[in-house]
Amino acid sequence: MIRLKSLLKESNTPLSNHPELINTGIQLAKSLISVGFTKTEAAAIVGNMWAESTFKSTAGTLDGNGAFGLIQWRGDRKNALKQYAKLIGKSVTDIQTQIWFLKVELKNSYTSKQSGGKLIPGLAKSITDSPEYEKNMFNRAMSYGPTIQDKALGFAVKSERMGESELAKSKKSRMESAQTIFDKL
């Protein structure tokens, strides 16, 4: 319980308060850029990763109903991450696997080179019925406003689908952390 409280407190403070972890954020952003995200998109995502998991790819719970990973996937999206990891023969806890999956989910509409450009096998009906949903939500998130902080907030609202009370606790952290990463790239 103490560890959870510590983690939640840590993730609700801006990344700039944790200078020892800024380079980790920069490396995550560079990994996102290397798979096709823009600098702005990568910084917005990493600002949210900080608030969601403090850059721990193993944060949360892999089994059951809880959230898991760098951006705390839940439900069918978490199961899709697991299916993708299985498809490529990598661990679901691997940071690069989660980065690649973000591209698959947010840019490729759940298709991948490993699946021959078709939908990843074993996806839930909710995803196969609307494989473009996450991509469309991400595009809306990146249209939330002109600044990096607007885009970080857009990602929290549209891609992470944050509730008002949770967002109230972490909004400043997400926005300022995204700005820190953007400025350092």
N, C-alpha and C. Protein backbone atom coordinates (compact mmCIF):
# COMPACT_ATOMS: atom_id res chain seq x y z
N MET A 1 0.82 -1.19 0.00
CA MET A 1 0.00 0.00 0.00
C MET A 1 0.86 1.26 0.00
N ILE A 2 1.93 1.26 0.78
CA ILE A 2 2.81 2.42 0.83
C ILE A 2 3.44 2.65 -0.54
N ARG A 3 3.87 1.57 -1.21
CA ARG A 3 4.48 1.69 -2.52
C ARG A 3 3.50 2.30 -3.51
N LEU A 4 2.24 1.86 -3.49
CA LEU A 4 1.23 2.40 -4.39
C LEU A 4 1.03 3.88 -4.13
N LYS A 5 0.91 4.28 -2.90
CA LYS A 5 0.76 5.71 -2.59
C LYS A 5 1.96 6.50 -3.08
N SER A 6 3.15 5.96 -2.90
CA SER A 6 4.36 6.62 -3.36
C SER A 6 4.35 6.76 -4.88
N LEU A 7 3.97 5.70 -5.57
CA LEU A 7 3.92 5.74 -7.03
C LEU A 7 2.91 6.77 -7.51
N LEU A 8 1.73 6.78 -6.90
CA LEU A 8 0.71 7.74 -7.31
C LEU A 8 1.16 9.17 -7.05
N LYS A 9 1.79 9.42 -5.93
CA LYS A 9 2.29 10.75 -5.63
C LYS A 9 3.36 11.14 -6.64
N GLU A 10 4.25 10.22 -6.93
CA GLU A 10 5.34 10.49 -7.85
C GLU A 10 4.81 10.83 -9.24
N SER A 11 3.81 10.11 -9.71
CA SER A 11 3.31 10.33 -11.06
C SER A 11 2.47 11.59 -11.18
N ASN A 12 2.05 12.16 -10.06
CA ASN A 12 1.26 13.39 -10.12
C ASN A 12 2.12 14.63 -9.96
N THR A 13 3.42 14.45 -9.92
CA THR A 13 4.34 15.58 -9.91
C THR A 13 5.03 15.63 -11.27
N PRO A 14 5.33 16.82 -11.76
CA PRO A 14 5.97 16.92 -13.08
C PRO A 14 7.32 16.22 -13.14
N LEU A 15 7.65 15.74 -14.30
CA LEU A 15 8.92 15.08 -14.55
C LEU A 15 10.10 15.97 -14.17
N SER A 16 9.97 17.27 -14.33
CA SER A 16 11.07 18.18 -14.01
C SER A 16 11.46 18.10 -12.54
N ASN A 17 10.58 17.59 -11.69
CA ASN A 17 10.90 17.38 -10.27
C ASN A 17 11.73 16.13 -10.06
N HIS A 18 11.96 15.36 -11.13
CA HIS A 18 12.71 14.10 -11.07
C HIS A 18 13.78 14.12 -12.17
N PRO A 19 14.78 15.02 -12.05
CA PRO A 19 15.76 15.18 -13.13
C PRO A 19 16.50 13.89 -13.47
N GLU A 20 16.60 12.98 -12.53
CA GLU A 20 17.31 11.72 -12.80
C GLU A 20 16.56 10.84 -13.80
N LEU A 21 15.28 11.15 -14.07
CA LEU A 21 14.49 10.33 -14.99
C LEU A 21 14.19 11.03 -16.32
N ILE A 22 14.66 12.26 -16.48
CA ILE A 22 14.40 12.99 -17.73
C ILE A 22 15.02 12.27 -18.92
N ASN A 23 16.24 11.77 -18.77
CA ASN A 23 16.87 11.04 -19.90
C ASN A 23 16.07 9.81 -20.29
N THR A 24 15.45 9.15 -19.33
CA THR A 24 14.59 8.00 -19.65
C THR A 24 13.43 8.47 -20.52
N GLY A 25 12.82 9.59 -20.16
CA GLY A 25 11.74 10.15 -20.97
C GLY A 25 12.19 10.53 -22.37
N ILE A 26 13.37 11.10 -22.47
CA ILE A 26 13.91 11.47 -23.78
C ILE A 26 14.12 10.22 -24.62
N GLN A 27 14.65 9.16 -24.04
CA GLN A 27 14.87 7.92 -24.77
C GLN A 27 13.54 7.31 -25.23
N LEU A 28 12.53 7.37 -24.38
CA LEU A 28 11.20 6.88 -24.79
C LEU A 28 10.67 7.69 -25.97
N ALA A 29 10.82 9.01 -25.90
CA ALA A 29 10.36 9.86 -27.00
C ALA A 29 11.11 9.54 -28.28
N LYS A 30 12.42 9.35 -28.18
CA LYS A 30 13.21 9.00 -29.37
C LYS A 30 12.78 7.65 -29.94
N SER A 31 12.43 6.73 -29.08
CA SER A 31 11.93 5.43 -29.56
C SER A 31 10.60 5.61 -30.29
N LEU A 32 9.73 6.45 -29.77
CA LEU A 32 8.46 6.72 -30.44
C LEU A 32 8.70 7.39 -31.79
N ILE A 33 9.60 8.34 -31.84
CA ILE A 33 9.93 9.02 -33.10
C ILE A 33 10.49 8.02 -34.11
N SER A 34 11.31 7.08 -33.64
CA SER A 34 11.93 6.10 -34.54
C SER A 34 10.91 5.17 -35.20
N VAL A 35 9.71 5.03 -34.60
CA VAL A 35 8.70 4.16 -35.21
C VAL A 35 7.63 4.96 -35.96
N GLY A 36 7.78 6.29 -36.05
CA GLY A 36 6.89 7.06 -36.90
C GLY A 36 6.07 8.15 -36.24
N PHE A 37 6.23 8.37 -34.95
CA PHE A 37 5.53 9.47 -34.31
C PHE A 37 6.34 10.75 -34.52
N THR A 38 5.68 11.89 -34.58
CA THR A 38 6.39 13.16 -34.68
C THR A 38 6.95 13.53 -33.31
N LYS A 39 7.81 14.52 -33.29
CA LYS A 39 8.38 15.02 -32.03
C LYS A 39 7.26 15.46 -31.08
N THR A 40 6.30 16.17 -31.61
CA THR A 40 5.19 16.66 -30.79
C THR A 40 4.36 15.51 -30.26
N GLU A 41 4.02 14.56 -31.11
CA GLU A 41 3.24 13.40 -30.68
C GLU A 41 3.99 12.61 -29.60
N ALA A 42 5.28 12.40 -29.84
CA ALA A 42 6.09 11.63 -28.90
C ALA A 42 6.15 12.32 -27.54
N ALA A 43 6.36 13.62 -27.52
CA ALA A 43 6.42 14.34 -26.25
C ALA A 43 5.09 14.29 -25.52
N ALA A 44 3.99 14.43 -26.25
CA ALA A 44 2.66 14.36 -25.62
C ALA A 44 2.42 12.98 -25.01
N ILE A 45 2.81 11.94 -25.72
CA ILE A 45 2.64 10.57 -25.22
C ILE A 45 3.52 10.34 -24.00
N VAL A 46 4.77 10.77 -24.07
CA VAL A 46 5.70 10.54 -22.95
C VAL A 46 5.26 11.31 -21.71
N GLY A 47 4.73 12.50 -21.89
CA GLY A 47 4.20 13.23 -20.73
C GLY A 47 3.11 12.44 -20.03
N ASN A 48 2.30 11.74 -20.81
CA ASN A 48 1.25 10.89 -20.25
C ASN A 48 1.82 9.61 -19.67
N MET A 49 2.84 9.05 -20.32
CA MET A 49 3.49 7.85 -19.76
C MET A 49 4.01 8.14 -18.36
N TRP A 50 4.60 9.32 -18.20
CA TRP A 50 5.14 9.68 -16.89
C TRP A 50 4.03 9.64 -15.83
N ALA A 51 2.91 10.26 -16.14
CA ALA A 51 1.81 10.31 -15.18
C ALA A 51 1.16 8.94 -14.97
N GLU A 52 1.14 8.12 -16.01
CA GLU A 52 0.49 6.82 -15.93
C GLU A 52 1.35 5.78 -15.21
N SER A 53 2.66 5.74 -15.50
CA SER A 53 3.48 4.62 -15.03
C SER A 53 4.84 5.00 -14.48
N THR A 54 5.16 6.29 -14.46
CA THR A 54 6.51 6.76 -14.13
C THR A 54 7.56 5.97 -14.92
N PHE A 55 7.25 5.72 -16.19
CA PHE A 55 8.13 5.06 -17.15
C PHE A 55 8.43 3.60 -16.81
N LYS A 56 7.57 2.96 -16.06
CA LYS A 56 7.77 1.54 -15.72
C LYS A 56 6.88 0.69 -16.63
N SER A 57 7.49 -0.09 -17.49
CA SER A 57 6.73 -0.93 -18.42
C SER A 57 6.00 -2.06 -17.71
N THR A 58 6.34 -2.31 -16.46
CA THR A 58 5.69 -3.37 -15.68
C THR A 58 4.69 -2.80 -14.68
N ALA A 59 4.41 -1.51 -14.74
CA ALA A 59 3.48 -0.89 -13.78
C ALA A 59 2.09 -1.51 -13.91
N GLY A 60 1.45 -1.69 -12.79
CA GLY A 60 0.09 -2.22 -12.77
C GLY A 60 0.06 -3.73 -12.72
N THR A 61 -1.02 -4.26 -13.25
CA THR A 61 -1.23 -5.70 -13.21
C THR A 61 -1.49 -6.24 -14.61
N LEU A 62 -0.77 -7.28 -14.96
CA LEU A 62 -0.92 -7.88 -16.28
C LEU A 62 -2.17 -8.75 -16.37
N ASP A 63 -2.49 -9.43 -15.29
CA ASP A 63 -3.67 -10.29 -15.26
C ASP A 63 -4.81 -9.58 -14.54
N GLY A 64 -6.02 -9.96 -14.87
CA GLY A 64 -7.18 -9.37 -14.21
C GLY A 64 -7.62 -8.08 -14.85
N ASN A 65 -8.40 -7.31 -14.09
CA ASN A 65 -9.05 -6.11 -14.61
C ASN A 65 -8.22 -4.84 -14.53
N GLY A 66 -7.13 -4.85 -13.81
CA GLY A 66 -6.34 -3.64 -13.63
C GLY A 66 -5.62 -3.20 -14.89
N ALA A 67 -5.07 -2.01 -14.82
CA ALA A 67 -4.33 -1.44 -15.93
C ALA A 67 -2.89 -1.93 -15.90
N PHE A 68 -2.22 -1.84 -17.06
CA PHE A 68 -0.86 -2.36 -17.17
C PHE A 68 -0.03 -1.56 -18.16
N GLY A 69 1.26 -1.43 -17.85
CA GLY A 69 2.24 -0.95 -18.81
C GLY A 69 2.50 0.54 -18.77
N LEU A 70 3.27 0.98 -19.76
CA LEU A 70 3.70 2.38 -19.84
C LEU A 70 2.53 3.36 -19.87
N ILE A 71 1.47 3.01 -20.58
CA ILE A 71 0.32 3.92 -20.61
C ILE A 71 -0.92 3.32 -19.94
N GLN A 72 -0.70 2.24 -19.20
CA GLN A 72 -1.76 1.64 -18.41
C GLN A 72 -2.96 1.21 -19.26
N TRP A 73 -2.67 0.30 -20.20
CA TRP A 73 -3.73 -0.29 -21.02
C TRP A 73 -4.68 -1.07 -20.12
N ARG A 74 -5.95 -1.09 -20.50
CA ARG A 74 -6.99 -1.82 -19.76
C ARG A 74 -7.83 -2.63 -20.74
N GLY A 75 -8.53 -3.60 -20.21
CA GLY A 75 -9.55 -4.33 -20.95
C GLY A 75 -9.07 -4.89 -22.27
N ASP A 76 -9.87 -4.65 -23.31
CA ASP A 76 -9.57 -5.19 -24.64
C ASP A 76 -8.26 -4.65 -25.20
N ARG A 77 -7.91 -3.42 -24.86
CA ARG A 77 -6.64 -2.85 -25.33
C ARG A 77 -5.46 -3.57 -24.68
N LYS A 78 -5.57 -3.90 -23.41
CA LYS A 78 -4.50 -4.65 -22.74
C LYS A 78 -4.39 -6.04 -23.35
N ASN A 79 -5.53 -6.67 -23.62
CA ASN A 79 -5.50 -7.99 -24.26
C ASN A 79 -4.90 -7.91 -25.66
N ALA A 80 -5.16 -6.82 -26.37
CA ALA A 80 -4.57 -6.64 -27.70
C ALA A 80 -3.05 -6.50 -27.60
N LEU A 81 -2.57 -5.79 -26.58
CA LEU A 81 -1.13 -5.70 -26.34
C LEU A 81 -0.55 -7.09 -26.12
N LYS A 82 -1.22 -7.89 -25.33
CA LYS A 82 -0.75 -9.26 -25.08
C LYS A 82 -0.72 -10.07 -26.38
N GLN A 83 -1.76 -9.95 -27.20
CA GLN A 83 -1.81 -10.68 -28.48
C GLN A 83 -0.68 -10.24 -29.40
N TYR A 84 -0.41 -8.93 -29.40
CA TYR A 84 0.66 -8.42 -30.24
C TYR A 84 2.02 -8.96 -29.78
N ALA A 85 2.27 -8.94 -28.48
CA ALA A 85 3.53 -9.46 -27.94
C ALA A 85 3.70 -10.94 -28.32
N LYS A 86 2.62 -11.68 -28.21
CA LYS A 86 2.64 -13.10 -28.58
C LYS A 86 2.96 -13.25 -30.07
N LEU A 87 2.33 -12.44 -30.90
CA LEU A 87 2.54 -12.50 -32.35
C LEU A 87 4.00 -12.27 -32.72
N ILE A 88 4.64 -11.31 -32.06
CA ILE A 88 6.03 -11.00 -32.42
C ILE A 88 7.05 -11.78 -31.58
N GLY A 89 6.56 -12.60 -30.67
CA GLY A 89 7.46 -13.44 -29.87
C GLY A 89 8.29 -12.68 -28.86
N LYS A 90 7.73 -11.61 -28.33
CA LYS A 90 8.44 -10.79 -27.34
C LYS A 90 7.63 -10.74 -26.05
N SER A 91 8.28 -10.30 -24.99
CA SER A 91 7.61 -10.14 -23.70
C SER A 91 6.72 -8.91 -23.72
N VAL A 92 5.56 -9.04 -23.14
CA VAL A 92 4.63 -7.92 -23.05
C VAL A 92 5.20 -6.81 -22.15
N THR A 93 6.15 -7.15 -21.28
CA THR A 93 6.74 -6.16 -20.38
C THR A 93 7.90 -5.40 -21.03
N ASP A 94 8.33 -5.82 -22.20
CA ASP A 94 9.43 -5.19 -22.90
C ASP A 94 9.03 -3.78 -23.36
N ILE A 95 9.85 -2.81 -23.05
CA ILE A 95 9.55 -1.42 -23.42
C ILE A 95 9.39 -1.28 -24.93
N GLN A 96 10.29 -1.87 -25.71
CA GLN A 96 10.20 -1.72 -27.16
C GLN A 96 8.93 -2.35 -27.71
N THR A 97 8.50 -3.47 -27.13
CA THR A 97 7.25 -4.10 -27.55
C THR A 97 6.09 -3.13 -27.33
N GLN A 98 6.07 -2.46 -26.19
CA GLN A 98 5.00 -1.52 -25.90
C GLN A 98 5.05 -0.30 -26.82
N ILE A 99 6.25 0.15 -27.17
CA ILE A 99 6.40 1.25 -28.13
C ILE A 99 5.87 0.83 -29.50
N TRP A 100 6.29 -0.35 -29.96
CA TRP A 100 5.80 -0.84 -31.25
C TRP A 100 4.28 -0.99 -31.24
N PHE A 101 3.75 -1.49 -30.12
CA PHE A 101 2.30 -1.66 -30.05
C PHE A 101 1.58 -0.32 -30.10
N LEU A 102 2.15 0.72 -29.50
CA LEU A 102 1.53 2.04 -29.61
C LEU A 102 1.39 2.46 -31.06
N LYS A 103 2.43 2.18 -31.86
CA LYS A 103 2.33 2.50 -33.29
C LYS A 103 1.23 1.68 -33.94
N VAL A 104 1.20 0.39 -33.64
CA VAL A 104 0.17 -0.48 -34.21
C VAL A 104 -1.22 0.03 -33.84
N GLU A 105 -1.39 0.38 -32.60
CA GLU A 105 -2.70 0.80 -32.09
C GLU A 105 -3.09 2.20 -32.58
N LEU A 106 -2.17 3.15 -32.51
CA LEU A 106 -2.50 4.55 -32.76
C LEU A 106 -2.26 5.03 -34.19
N LYS A 107 -1.44 4.30 -34.92
CA LYS A 107 -1.14 4.72 -36.30
C LYS A 107 -1.60 3.70 -37.34
N ASN A 108 -1.56 2.40 -37.00
CA ASN A 108 -1.84 1.35 -37.99
C ASN A 108 -3.19 0.67 -37.82
N SER A 109 -3.98 1.09 -36.86
CA SER A 109 -5.32 0.51 -36.65
C SER A 109 -5.28 -1.00 -36.41
N TYR A 110 -4.39 -1.43 -35.53
CA TYR A 110 -4.28 -2.83 -35.10
C TYR A 110 -3.81 -3.78 -36.20
N THR A 111 -3.12 -3.24 -37.19
CA THR A 111 -2.49 -4.11 -38.18
C THR A 111 -0.98 -4.01 -37.99
N SER A 112 -0.28 -5.05 -38.38
CA SER A 112 1.17 -5.03 -38.25
C SER A 112 1.82 -5.81 -39.39
N LYS A 113 3.08 -5.52 -39.59
CA LYS A 113 3.86 -6.24 -40.60
C LYS A 113 3.85 -7.74 -40.30
N GLN A 114 3.93 -8.09 -39.01
CA GLN A 114 3.99 -9.50 -38.61
C GLN A 114 2.68 -10.23 -38.91
N SER A 115 1.58 -9.49 -39.02
CA SER A 115 0.30 -10.13 -39.35
C SER A 115 -0.02 -9.98 -40.83
N GLY A 116 1.00 -9.66 -41.63
CA GLY A 116 0.81 -9.52 -43.07
C GLY A 116 -0.04 -8.32 -43.44
N GLY A 117 -0.03 -7.29 -42.60
CA GLY A 117 -0.82 -6.09 -42.85
C GLY A 117 -2.29 -6.27 -42.52
N LYS A 118 -2.63 -7.40 -41.94
CA LYS A 118 -4.02 -7.65 -41.53
C LYS A 118 -4.13 -7.40 -40.04
N LEU A 119 -5.35 -7.43 -39.52
CA LEU A 119 -5.55 -7.25 -38.09
C LEU A 119 -4.78 -8.31 -37.31
N ILE A 120 -4.28 -7.92 -36.17
CA ILE A 120 -3.59 -8.86 -35.28
C ILE A 120 -4.59 -9.97 -34.93
N PRO A 121 -4.19 -11.23 -35.02
CA PRO A 121 -5.11 -12.32 -34.69
C PRO A 121 -5.47 -12.30 -33.20
N GLY A 122 -6.69 -12.74 -32.90
CA GLY A 122 -7.12 -12.90 -31.51
C GLY A 122 -7.64 -11.64 -30.86
N LEU A 123 -7.91 -10.58 -31.63
CA LEU A 123 -8.43 -9.35 -31.04
C LEU A 123 -9.90 -9.51 -30.65
N ALA A 124 -10.30 -8.75 -29.65
CA ALA A 124 -11.70 -8.76 -29.20
C ALA A 124 -12.61 -8.19 -30.29
N LYS A 125 -13.85 -8.62 -30.27
CA LYS A 125 -14.85 -8.15 -31.24
C LYS A 125 -14.98 -6.62 -31.21
N SER A 126 -14.87 -6.04 -30.02
CA SER A 126 -14.98 -4.58 -29.92
C SER A 126 -13.90 -3.88 -30.74
N ILE A 127 -12.75 -4.51 -30.86
CA ILE A 127 -11.66 -3.93 -31.66
C ILE A 127 -11.83 -4.28 -33.14
N THR A 128 -12.16 -5.53 -33.45
CA THR A 128 -12.29 -5.92 -34.85
C THR A 128 -13.47 -5.21 -35.52
N ASP A 129 -14.48 -4.87 -34.74
CA ASP A 129 -15.62 -4.12 -35.29
C ASP A 129 -15.26 -2.66 -35.58
N SER A 130 -14.28 -2.12 -34.87
CA SER A 130 -13.87 -0.72 -35.02
C SER A 130 -12.36 -0.57 -34.91
N PRO A 131 -11.60 -1.16 -35.80
CA PRO A 131 -10.14 -1.13 -35.66
C PRO A 131 -9.53 0.27 -35.79
N GLU A 132 -10.25 1.21 -36.37
CA GLU A 132 -9.75 2.58 -36.56
C GLU A 132 -10.03 3.48 -35.35
N TYR A 133 -10.77 2.99 -34.37
CA TYR A 133 -11.21 3.83 -33.25
C TYR A 133 -10.04 4.50 -32.53
N GLU A 134 -9.04 3.74 -32.11
CA GLU A 134 -7.92 4.31 -31.37
C GLU A 134 -7.12 5.28 -32.24
N LYS A 135 -6.97 4.96 -33.50
CA LYS A 135 -6.28 5.87 -34.43
C LYS A 135 -7.04 7.19 -34.54
N ASN A 136 -8.35 7.11 -34.68
CA ASN A 136 -9.17 8.31 -34.78
C ASN A 136 -9.12 9.14 -33.49
N MET A 137 -9.16 8.48 -32.35
CA MET A 137 -9.08 9.19 -31.07
C MET A 137 -7.71 9.86 -30.93
N PHE A 138 -6.66 9.18 -31.35
CA PHE A 138 -5.32 9.77 -31.29
C PHE A 138 -5.24 11.01 -32.18
N ASN A 139 -5.79 10.92 -33.38
CA ASN A 139 -5.79 12.09 -34.28
C ASN A 139 -6.56 13.25 -33.66
N ARG A 140 -7.67 12.96 -33.01
CA ARG A 140 -8.41 14.02 -32.30
C ARG A 140 -7.58 14.60 -31.16
N ALA A 141 -6.88 13.73 -30.45
CA ALA A 141 -6.03 14.19 -29.34
C ALA A 141 -4.98 15.16 -29.83
N MET A 142 -4.39 14.87 -30.98
CA MET A 142 -3.33 15.72 -31.50
C MET A 142 -3.87 17.00 -32.14
N SER A 143 -5.19 17.08 -32.27
CA SER A 143 -5.84 18.29 -32.78
C SER A 143 -6.48 19.10 -31.65
N TYR A 144 -6.17 18.75 -30.42
CA TYR A 144 -6.80 19.36 -29.24
C TYR A 144 -6.45 20.83 -29.07
N GLY A 145 -5.32 21.24 -29.60
CA GLY A 145 -4.87 22.62 -29.51
C GLY A 145 -3.48 22.73 -30.11
N PRO A 146 -2.97 23.95 -30.23
CA PRO A 146 -1.70 24.15 -30.93
C PRO A 146 -0.44 23.85 -30.12
N THR A 147 -0.50 23.88 -28.82
CA THR A 147 0.72 23.72 -28.02
C THR A 147 0.95 22.26 -27.64
N ILE A 148 2.18 21.96 -27.24
CA ILE A 148 2.50 20.62 -26.77
C ILE A 148 1.67 20.28 -25.53
N GLN A 149 1.45 21.27 -24.68
CA GLN A 149 0.65 21.02 -23.48
C GLN A 149 -0.80 20.70 -23.85
N ASP A 150 -1.34 21.38 -24.87
CA ASP A 150 -2.69 21.06 -25.35
C ASP A 150 -2.75 19.62 -25.86
N LYS A 151 -1.73 19.21 -26.60
CA LYS A 151 -1.70 17.86 -27.17
C LYS A 151 -1.55 16.80 -26.08
N ALA A 152 -0.78 17.10 -25.04
CA ALA A 152 -0.67 16.18 -23.91
C ALA A 152 -2.02 16.04 -23.21
N LEU A 153 -2.70 17.14 -23.04
CA LEU A 153 -4.04 17.10 -22.44
C LEU A 153 -5.00 16.35 -23.36
N GLY A 154 -4.90 16.60 -24.66
CA GLY A 154 -5.73 15.88 -25.63
C GLY A 154 -5.51 14.38 -25.55
N PHE A 155 -4.26 13.96 -25.41
CA PHE A 155 -3.95 12.53 -25.29
C PHE A 155 -4.59 11.96 -24.03
N ALA A 156 -4.51 12.69 -22.94
CA ALA A 156 -5.11 12.23 -21.68
C ALA A 156 -6.62 12.07 -21.83
N VAL A 157 -7.26 13.02 -22.48
CA VAL A 157 -8.72 13.01 -22.60
C VAL A 157 -9.21 12.04 -23.68
N LYS A 158 -8.57 12.05 -24.84
CA LYS A 158 -9.06 11.26 -25.98
C LYS A 158 -8.48 9.85 -26.05
N SER A 159 -7.17 9.71 -25.86
CA SER A 159 -6.55 8.38 -25.97
C SER A 159 -6.56 7.63 -24.65
N GLU A 160 -6.27 8.32 -23.57
CA GLU A 160 -6.30 7.68 -22.25
C GLU A 160 -7.72 7.65 -21.68
N ARG A 161 -8.57 8.54 -22.15
CA ARG A 161 -9.96 8.65 -21.69
C ARG A 161 -10.06 8.81 -20.17
N MET A 162 -9.31 9.80 -19.70
CA MET A 162 -9.25 10.08 -18.27
C MET A 162 -10.59 10.63 -17.76
N GLY A 163 -10.95 10.19 -16.58
CA GLY A 163 -12.09 10.79 -15.90
C GLY A 163 -11.69 12.13 -15.31
N GLU A 164 -12.67 12.97 -15.03
CA GLU A 164 -12.39 14.31 -14.53
C GLU A 164 -11.59 14.31 -13.23
N SER A 165 -11.94 13.43 -12.29
CA SER A 165 -11.25 13.46 -10.99
C SER A 165 -9.81 12.99 -11.13
N GLU A 166 -9.57 11.97 -11.94
CA GLU A 166 -8.20 11.50 -12.14
C GLU A 166 -7.39 12.55 -12.90
N LEU A 167 -8.00 13.15 -13.90
CA LEU A 167 -7.31 14.17 -14.68
C LEU A 167 -6.98 15.38 -13.81
N ALA A 168 -7.87 15.75 -12.91
CA ALA A 168 -7.61 16.90 -12.03
C ALA A 168 -6.34 16.69 -11.22
N LYS A 169 -6.07 15.45 -10.83
CA LYS A 169 -4.88 15.15 -10.03
C LYS A 169 -3.60 15.19 -10.85
N SER A 170 -3.68 14.83 -12.13
CA SER A 170 -2.45 14.64 -12.91
C SER A 170 -2.31 15.58 -14.11
N LYS A 171 -3.25 16.46 -14.33
CA LYS A 171 -3.23 17.33 -15.50
C LYS A 171 -1.93 18.14 -15.60
N LYS A 172 -1.55 18.79 -14.52
CA LYS A 172 -0.34 19.61 -14.52
C LYS A 172 0.88 18.75 -14.82
N SER A 173 0.96 17.58 -14.20
CA SER A 173 2.09 16.69 -14.42
C SER A 173 2.20 16.28 -15.88
N ARG A 174 1.09 15.88 -16.48
CA ARG A 174 1.08 15.44 -17.88
C ARG A 174 1.54 16.57 -18.82
N MET A 175 0.95 17.74 -18.62
CA MET A 175 1.24 18.86 -19.51
C MET A 175 2.68 19.36 -19.35
N GLU A 176 3.11 19.56 -18.11
CA GLU A 176 4.47 20.06 -17.88
C GLU A 176 5.53 19.03 -18.26
N SER A 177 5.24 17.76 -18.03
CA SER A 177 6.20 16.71 -18.38
C SER A 177 6.36 16.62 -19.90
N ALA A 178 5.26 16.74 -20.62
CA ALA A 178 5.33 16.74 -22.09
C ALA A 178 6.16 17.92 -22.58
N GLN A 179 5.97 19.07 -21.96
CA GLN A 179 6.74 20.26 -22.34
C GLN A 179 8.23 20.05 -22.06
N THR A 180 8.55 19.46 -20.92
CA THR A 180 9.95 19.18 -20.57
C THR A 180 10.60 18.30 -21.64
N ILE A 181 9.90 17.22 -22.01
CA ILE A 181 10.45 16.31 -23.03
C ILE A 181 10.60 17.03 -24.36
N PHE A 182 9.58 17.76 -24.77
CA PHE A 182 9.62 18.46 -26.04
C PHE A 182 10.83 19.43 -26.08
N ASP A 183 11.02 20.17 -25.00
CA ASP A 183 12.11 21.14 -24.95
C ASP A 183 13.49 20.50 -24.97
N LYS A 184 13.59 19.25 -24.48
CA LYS A 184 14.89 18.56 -24.39
C LYS A 184 15.22 17.77 -25.66
N LEU A 185 14.22 17.54 -26.51
CA LEU A 185 14.47 16.75 -27.73
C LEU A 185 15.23 17.57 -28.77
